Amino acid sequence: MDNLPEWKKNLRKQLIAAREAIPAEHHRLWSRAITGFLKQGLPQPRDMIIGIYWPFRGEYDPRSIAEYFLQHGATLALPEVTGKNEPLCFREWSPDTPVKSGAYGIAVPLETRIVRLDAVIIPMVGFDRHGYRLGYGSGYFDRTLATYEHQPLTIGVAFELQRIDSVYPQAHDISMHYVVTEAGIFRTKDHHLTPASVLQNISTSECQ
């Protein structure tokens, strides 16, 4: 592709606009389905440290699954932007944790402990049939995952209308172990998304 950055920039705009235009009732129904698949995929999250995110511009709201994870013994964490071109740090979070306004006006836990993740639910602007994610273009999640010697379980979350043929991944891009949409759970295997029923740790090499 002659001008990949410009193509991705335009595609982001289109996909975000489409997501923000989802009728409220459809958004509720699709989000409820995603929550159900996350419960199905991680039925026993006890003692896991799971990264989630604060919803932004029509994204699926993972706070709807937070109570389930906490009730089943998981520790949750939210990301904090510490600097441009720096990896994210994840701070422990629960619904009663005080928060402050961080980068982009997104809530960040106020001075809670920094944790290392066993699993992370990652928002996607778009995703392709190979399990690669189109993000907002800052590269924070890719830089963060690159700091782990053993990758946490990566679970990309989006709606089906954000599915595209290819994001034309670059060498630094990391495919998701799994993608969850309102249509189900999909595992990245042999460069393709295939239907799955559970979310379990698999080696990074299986996704590439």
C-alpha atoms as a PDB file:
ATOM      1  CA  MET A   1       0.000   0.000   0.000  1.00  0.00           C
ATOM      2  CA  ASP A   2       1.435   3.358  -1.077  1.00  0.00           C
ATOM      3  CA  ASN A   3       0.325   5.421   1.929  1.00  0.00           C
ATOM      4  CA  LEU A   4      -0.485   3.063   4.777  1.00  0.00           C
ATOM      5  CA  PRO A   5      -0.518   5.686   7.593  1.00  0.00           C
ATOM      6  CA  GLU A   6      -3.062   7.829   5.732  1.00  0.00           C
ATOM      7  CA  TRP A   7      -5.180   4.773   4.914  1.00  0.00           C
ATOM      8  CA  LYS A   8      -5.217   3.727   8.581  1.00  0.00           C
ATOM      9  CA  LYS A   9      -6.033   7.259   9.693  1.00  0.00           C
ATOM     10  CA  ASN A  10      -9.053   7.407   7.387  1.00  0.00           C
ATOM     11  CA  LEU A  11     -10.146   3.896   8.326  1.00  0.00           C
ATOM     12  CA  ARG A  12     -10.002   4.787  12.030  1.00  0.00           C
ATOM     13  CA  LYS A  13     -12.290   7.749  11.429  1.00  0.00           C
ATOM     14  CA  GLN A  14     -14.784   5.594   9.540  1.00  0.00           C
ATOM     15  CA  LEU A  15     -14.827   2.782  12.098  1.00  0.00           C
ATOM     16  CA  ILE A  16     -15.073   5.100  15.121  1.00  0.00           C
ATOM     17  CA  ALA A  17     -17.919   7.018  13.454  1.00  0.00           C
ATOM     18  CA  ALA A  18     -19.715   3.746  12.726  1.00  0.00           C
ATOM     19  CA  ARG A  19     -19.270   2.592  16.323  1.00  0.00           C
ATOM     20  CA  GLU A  20     -20.516   5.879  17.749  1.00  0.00           C
ATOM     21  CA  ALA A  21     -23.567   5.656  15.476  1.00  0.00           C
ATOM     22  CA  ILE A  22     -24.674   2.250  16.815  1.00  0.00           C
ATOM     23  CA  PRO A  23     -28.255   2.613  18.123  1.00  0.00           C
ATOM     24  CA  ALA A  24     -28.359   2.505  21.923  1.00  0.00           C
ATOM     25  CA  GLU A  25     -30.470  -0.654  22.063  1.00  0.00           C
ATOM     26  CA  HIS A  26     -28.131  -2.507  19.681  1.00  0.00           C
ATOM     27  CA  HIS A  27     -25.142  -1.361  21.727  1.00  0.00           C
ATOM     28  CA  ARG A  28     -26.754  -2.724  24.895  1.00  0.00           C
ATOM     29  CA  LEU A  29     -27.621  -6.060  23.294  1.00  0.00           C
ATOM     30  CA  TRP A  30     -24.208  -6.531  21.688  1.00  0.00           C
ATOM     31  CA  SER A  31     -22.417  -5.481  24.878  1.00  0.00           C
ATOM     32  CA  ARG A  32     -24.496  -7.944  26.898  1.00  0.00           C
ATOM     33  CA  ALA A  33     -23.463 -10.690  24.468  1.00  0.00           C
ATOM     34  CA  ILE A  34     -19.773  -9.784  24.789  1.00  0.00           C
ATOM     35  CA  THR A  35     -20.059  -9.832  28.587  1.00  0.00           C
ATOM     36  CA  GLY A  36     -21.619 -13.286  28.361  1.00  0.00           C
ATOM     37  CA  PHE A  37     -18.808 -14.606  26.172  1.00  0.00           C
ATOM     38  CA  LEU A  38     -16.177 -13.180  28.540  1.00  0.00           C
ATOM     39  CA  LYS A  39     -17.869 -14.980  31.445  1.00  0.00           C
ATOM     40  CA  GLN A  40     -17.974 -18.164  29.378  1.00  0.00           C
ATOM     41  CA  GLY A  41     -14.359 -17.819  28.326  1.00  0.00           C
ATOM     42  CA  LEU A  42     -12.963 -17.014  31.788  1.00  0.00           C
ATOM     43  CA  PRO A  43     -15.304 -18.810  34.198  1.00  0.00           C
ATOM     44  CA  GLN A  44     -12.634 -19.211  36.907  1.00  0.00           C
ATOM     45  CA  PRO A  45     -10.506 -16.046  37.007  1.00  0.00           C
ATOM     46  CA  ARG A  46      -9.447 -16.544  40.651  1.00  0.00           C
ATOM     47  CA  ASP A  47      -6.009 -15.113  41.460  1.00  0.00           C
ATOM     48  CA  MET A  48      -5.637 -13.655  37.949  1.00  0.00           C
ATOM     49  CA  ILE A  49      -4.601 -10.040  37.468  1.00  0.00           C
ATOM     50  CA  ILE A  50      -6.711  -8.796  34.555  1.00  0.00           C
ATOM     51  CA  GLY A  51      -6.216  -5.504  32.770  1.00  0.00           C
ATOM     52  CA  ILE A  52      -9.340  -3.751  31.518  1.00  0.00           C
ATOM     53  CA  TYR A  53      -9.874  -0.225  30.143  1.00  0.00           C
ATOM     54  CA  TRP A  54     -12.070   2.815  30.700  1.00  0.00           C
ATOM     55  CA  PRO A  55     -14.519   2.990  27.742  1.00  0.00           C
ATOM     56  CA  PHE A  56     -13.978   5.679  25.128  1.00  0.00           C
ATOM     57  CA  ARG A  57     -16.016   6.802  22.101  1.00  0.00           C
ATOM     58  CA  GLY A  58     -18.623   4.060  21.981  1.00  0.00           C
ATOM     59  CA  GLU A  59     -16.385   1.134  22.981  1.00  0.00           C
ATOM     60  CA  TYR A  60     -17.717  -1.909  24.796  1.00  0.00           C
ATOM     61  CA  ASP A  61     -17.748  -1.039  28.506  1.00  0.00           C
ATOM     62  CA  PRO A  62     -15.725  -3.701  30.382  1.00  0.00           C
ATOM     63  CA  ARG A  63     -16.952  -2.395  33.713  1.00  0.00           C
ATOM     64  CA  SER A  64     -19.977  -4.593  33.032  1.00  0.00           C
ATOM     65  CA  ILE A  65     -17.764  -7.672  33.477  1.00  0.00           C
ATOM     66  CA  ALA A  66     -15.710  -6.162  36.322  1.00  0.00           C
ATOM     67  CA  GLU A  67     -18.057  -7.177  39.134  1.00  0.00           C
ATOM     68  CA  TYR A  68     -18.101 -10.789  37.915  1.00  0.00           C
ATOM     69  CA  PHE A  69     -14.300 -10.967  37.808  1.00  0.00           C
ATOM     70  CA  LEU A  70     -13.960  -9.394  41.249  1.00  0.00           C
ATOM     71  CA  GLN A  71     -16.578 -11.701  42.768  1.00  0.00           C
ATOM     72  CA  HIS A  72     -14.661 -14.661  41.385  1.00  0.00           C
ATOM     73  CA  GLY A  73     -11.339 -13.694  42.940  1.00  0.00           C
ATOM     74  CA  ALA A  74      -9.605 -11.692  40.203  1.00  0.00           C
ATOM     75  CA  THR A  75      -7.655  -8.464  40.643  1.00  0.00           C
ATOM     76  CA  LEU A  76      -8.427  -5.762  38.080  1.00  0.00           C
ATOM     77  CA  ALA A  77      -6.228  -2.979  36.744  1.00  0.00           C
ATOM     78  CA  LEU A  78      -6.592   0.067  34.504  1.00  0.00           C
ATOM     79  CA  PRO A  79      -3.881   1.504  32.244  1.00  0.00           C
ATOM     80  CA  GLU A  80      -2.092   4.776  32.768  1.00  0.00           C
ATOM     81  CA  VAL A  81      -0.195   6.702  30.100  1.00  0.00           C
ATOM     82  CA  THR A  82       3.109   7.698  31.701  1.00  0.00           C
ATOM     83  CA  GLY A  83       4.653   9.449  28.714  1.00  0.00           C
ATOM     84  CA  LYS A  84       4.675   9.671  24.937  1.00  0.00           C
ATOM     85  CA  ASN A  85       6.244   6.572  23.355  1.00  0.00           C
ATOM     86  CA  GLU A  86       6.354   4.881  26.777  1.00  0.00           C
ATOM     87  CA  PRO A  87       4.640   1.599  27.694  1.00  0.00           C
ATOM     88  CA  LEU A  88       1.492   1.778  29.786  1.00  0.00           C
ATOM     89  CA  CYS A  89       1.569   0.970  33.459  1.00  0.00           C
ATOM     90  CA  PHE A  90      -1.433  -0.828  34.931  1.00  0.00           C
ATOM     91  CA  ARG A  91      -2.747   0.240  38.331  1.00  0.00           C
ATOM     92  CA  GLU A  92      -5.004  -1.861  40.518  1.00  0.00           C
ATOM     93  CA  TRP A  93      -8.655  -0.786  40.292  1.00  0.00           C
ATOM     94  CA  SER A  94     -12.067  -1.627  41.746  1.00  0.00           C
ATOM     95  CA  PRO A  95     -15.377   0.254  41.420  1.00  0.00           C
ATOM     96  CA  ASP A  96     -14.738   2.199  44.652  1.00  0.00           C
ATOM     97  CA  THR A  97     -11.181   3.221  43.717  1.00  0.00           C
ATOM     98  CA  PRO A  98     -10.669   7.022  43.509  1.00  0.00           C
ATOM     99  CA  VAL A  99      -9.693   8.074  39.994  1.00  0.00           C
ATOM    100  CA  LYS A 100      -8.188  11.084  38.299  1.00  0.00           C
ATOM    101  CA  SER A 101      -8.416  12.342  34.735  1.00  0.00           C
ATOM    102  CA  GLY A 102      -5.482  11.032  32.719  1.00  0.00           C
ATOM    103  CA  ALA A 103      -4.420  11.288  29.077  1.00  0.00           C
ATOM    104  CA  TYR A 104      -7.314  11.951  26.663  1.00  0.00           C
ATOM    105  CA  GLY A 105      -9.545  12.632  29.683  1.00  0.00           C
ATOM    106  CA  ILE A 106      -9.711   8.918  30.517  1.00  0.00           C
ATOM    107  CA  ALA A 107      -9.988   7.897  34.172  1.00  0.00           C
ATOM    108  CA  VAL A 108      -6.859   6.545  35.905  1.00  0.00           C
ATOM    109  CA  PRO A 109      -6.721   4.997  39.413  1.00  0.00           C
ATOM    110  CA  LEU A 110      -5.322   7.416  41.959  1.00  0.00           C
ATOM    111  CA  GLU A 111      -1.948   6.131  43.225  1.00  0.00           C
ATOM    112  CA  THR A 112      -2.867   2.466  43.572  1.00  0.00           C
ATOM    113  CA  ARG A 113      -0.172  -0.190  43.198  1.00  0.00           C
ATOM    114  CA  ILE A 114       1.280  -0.997  39.785  1.00  0.00           C
ATOM    115  CA  VAL A 115       0.751  -4.625  38.749  1.00  0.00           C
ATOM    116  CA  ARG A 116       1.891  -7.038  36.048  1.00  0.00           C
ATOM    117  CA  LEU A 117      -0.912  -8.699  34.118  1.00  0.00           C
ATOM    118  CA  ASP A 118      -1.941 -12.305  33.589  1.00  0.00           C
ATOM    119  CA  ALA A 119      -4.561 -11.259  31.029  1.00  0.00           C
ATOM    120  CA  VAL A 120      -5.642  -8.023  29.390  1.00  0.00           C
ATOM    121  CA  ILE A 121      -8.845  -7.008  27.623  1.00  0.00           C
ATOM    122  CA  ILE A 122      -7.864  -4.612  24.843  1.00  0.00           C
ATOM    123  CA  PRO A 123     -10.220  -2.268  22.960  1.00  0.00           C
ATOM    124  CA  MET A 124      -9.996  -2.362  19.180  1.00  0.00           C
ATOM    125  CA  VAL A 125     -10.954   0.291  16.639  1.00  0.00           C
ATOM    126  CA  GLY A 126     -10.856  -2.498  14.071  1.00  0.00           C
ATOM    127  CA  PHE A 127      -9.594  -6.048  13.695  1.00  0.00           C
ATOM    128  CA  ASP A 128      -8.876  -8.396  10.835  1.00  0.00           C
ATOM    129  CA  ARG A 129      -9.301 -12.079  10.011  1.00  0.00           C
ATOM    130  CA  HIS A 130      -5.722 -12.736  11.147  1.00  0.00           C
ATOM    131  CA  GLY A 131      -6.280 -11.472  14.695  1.00  0.00           C
ATOM    132  CA  TYR A 132      -4.466  -8.156  14.268  1.00  0.00           C
ATOM    133  CA  ARG A 133      -5.839  -5.034  15.896  1.00  0.00           C
ATOM    134  CA  LEU A 134      -6.247  -1.516  14.564  1.00  0.00           C
ATOM    135  CA  GLY A 135      -5.857   0.858  17.512  1.00  0.00           C
ATOM    136  CA  TYR A 136      -5.850   4.613  17.854  1.00  0.00           C
ATOM    137  CA  GLY A 137      -2.380   4.893  16.355  1.00  0.00           C
ATOM    138  CA  SER A 138      -0.284   5.681  19.437  1.00  0.00           C
ATOM    139  CA  GLY A 139       1.096   2.158  19.850  1.00  0.00           C
ATOM    140  CA  TYR A 140       0.721   2.063  23.637  1.00  0.00           C
ATOM    141  CA  PHE A 141      -0.559  -1.498  23.888  1.00  0.00           C
ATOM    142  CA  ASP A 142       2.059  -2.919  21.502  1.00  0.00           C
ATOM    143  CA  ARG A 143       4.864  -1.204  23.450  1.00  0.00           C
ATOM    144  CA  THR A 144       3.420  -2.504  26.713  1.00  0.00           C
ATOM    145  CA  LEU A 145       3.117  -6.101  25.525  1.00  0.00           C
ATOM    146  CA  ALA A 146       6.686  -5.955  24.232  1.00  0.00           C
ATOM    147  CA  THR A 147       7.909  -5.437  27.827  1.00  0.00           C
ATOM    148  CA  TYR A 148       6.645  -8.869  28.915  1.00  0.00           C
ATOM    149  CA  GLU A 149       8.973 -11.846  28.678  1.00  0.00           C
ATOM    150  CA  HIS A 150       5.907 -14.088  28.827  1.00  0.00           C
ATOM    151  CA  GLN A 151       2.946 -12.388  27.238  1.00  0.00           C
ATOM    152  CA  PRO A 152      -0.288 -12.021  29.187  1.00  0.00           C
ATOM    153  CA  LEU A 153      -3.383 -13.510  27.629  1.00  0.00           C
ATOM    154  CA  THR A 154      -4.509 -10.848  25.123  1.00  0.00           C
ATOM    155  CA  ILE A 155      -8.231 -10.524  24.456  1.00  0.00           C
ATOM    156  CA  GLY A 156      -9.248  -7.980  21.849  1.00  0.00           C
ATOM    157  CA  VAL A 157     -12.830  -6.732  22.150  1.00  0.00           C
ATOM    158  CA  ALA A 158     -14.920  -5.071  19.440  1.00  0.00           C
ATOM    159  CA  PHE A 159     -18.235  -5.246  17.622  1.00  0.00           C
ATOM    160  CA  GLU A 160     -18.593  -7.208  14.395  1.00  0.00           C
ATOM    161  CA  LEU A 161     -19.042  -4.034  12.345  1.00  0.00           C
ATOM    162  CA  GLN A 162     -15.386  -3.295  13.159  1.00  0.00           C
ATOM    163  CA  ARG A 163     -14.171  -6.458  11.404  1.00  0.00           C
ATOM    164  CA  ILE A 164     -12.127  -5.772   8.242  1.00  0.00           C
ATOM    165  CA  ASP A 165     -10.173  -7.947   5.819  1.00  0.00           C
ATOM    166  CA  SER A 166      -6.689  -6.786   6.851  1.00  0.00           C
ATOM    167  CA  VAL A 167      -5.062  -4.059   8.939  1.00  0.00           C
ATOM    168  CA  TYR A 168      -1.821  -4.590   6.987  1.00  0.00           C
ATOM    169  CA  PRO A 169       0.199  -5.288  10.164  1.00  0.00           C
ATOM    170  CA  GLN A 170       3.762  -4.057  10.504  1.00  0.00           C
ATOM    171  CA  ALA A 171       6.682  -5.831  12.172  1.00  0.00           C
ATOM    172  CA  HIS A 172       5.940  -4.259  15.574  1.00  0.00           C
ATOM    173  CA  ASP A 173       2.259  -5.258  15.575  1.00  0.00           C
ATOM    174  CA  ILE A 174       1.234  -8.098  17.887  1.00  0.00           C
ATOM    175  CA  SER A 175      -1.805 -10.214  17.080  1.00  0.00           C
ATOM    176  CA  MET A 176      -4.391 -10.914  19.748  1.00  0.00           C
ATOM    177  CA  HIS A 177      -4.546 -14.372  21.288  1.00  0.00           C
ATOM    178  CA  TYR A 178      -8.337 -14.053  21.134  1.00  0.00           C
ATOM    179  CA  VAL A 179     -10.982 -11.704  19.775  1.00  0.00           C
ATOM    180  CA  VAL A 180     -14.405 -11.434  21.423  1.00  0.00           C
ATOM    181  CA  THR A 181     -17.368  -9.825  19.671  1.00  0.00           C
ATOM    182  CA  GLU A 182     -21.126 -10.091  20.026  1.00  0.00           C
ATOM    183  CA  ALA A 183     -20.887 -13.080  17.664  1.00  0.00           C
ATOM    184  CA  GLY A 184     -18.600 -15.174  19.862  1.00  0.00           C
ATOM    185  CA  ILE A 185     -15.050 -16.005  20.921  1.00  0.00           C
ATOM    186  CA  PHE A 186     -12.401 -16.366  18.219  1.00  0.00           C
ATOM    187  CA  ARG A 187      -8.879 -17.712  18.668  1.00  0.00           C
ATOM    188  CA  THR A 188      -5.950 -16.652  16.517  1.00  0.00           C
ATOM    189  CA  LYS A 189      -4.454 -19.874  15.173  1.00  0.00           C
ATOM    190  CA  ASP A 190      -2.324 -20.401  12.063  1.00  0.00           C
ATOM    191  CA  HIS A 191      -2.779 -16.745  11.079  1.00  0.00           C
ATOM    192  CA  HIS A 192      -6.583 -16.964  11.151  1.00  0.00           C
ATOM    193  CA  LEU A 193      -9.404 -16.340  13.600  1.00  0.00           C
ATOM    194  CA  THR A 194     -11.274 -19.539  14.386  1.00  0.00           C
ATOM    195  CA  PRO A 195     -14.279 -20.048  16.698  1.00  0.00           C
ATOM    196  CA  ALA A 196     -13.430 -21.020  20.289  1.00  0.00           C
ATOM    197  CA  SER A 197     -15.295 -21.603  23.536  1.00  0.00           C
ATOM    198  CA  VAL A 198     -12.751 -20.694  26.215  1.00  0.00           C
ATOM    199  CA  LEU A 199      -9.989 -18.137  26.759  1.00  0.00           C
ATOM    200  CA  GLN A 200      -6.844 -19.945  27.813  1.00  0.00           C
ATOM    201  CA  ASN A 201      -3.193 -19.028  27.794  1.00  0.00           C
ATOM    202  CA  ILE A 202      -1.486 -20.076  24.585  1.00  0.00           C
ATOM    203  CA  SER A 203       2.014 -19.385  23.387  1.00  0.00           C
ATOM    204  CA  THR A 204       2.646 -16.234  21.382  1.00  0.00           C
ATOM    205  CA  SER A 205       4.146 -18.334  18.603  1.00  0.00           C
ATOM    206  CA  GLU A 206       0.774 -19.929  17.909  1.00  0.00           C
ATOM    207  CA  CYS A 207      -0.646 -16.534  16.988  1.00  0.00           C
ATOM    208  CA  GLN A 208       2.053 -15.470  14.563  1.00  0.00           C
END
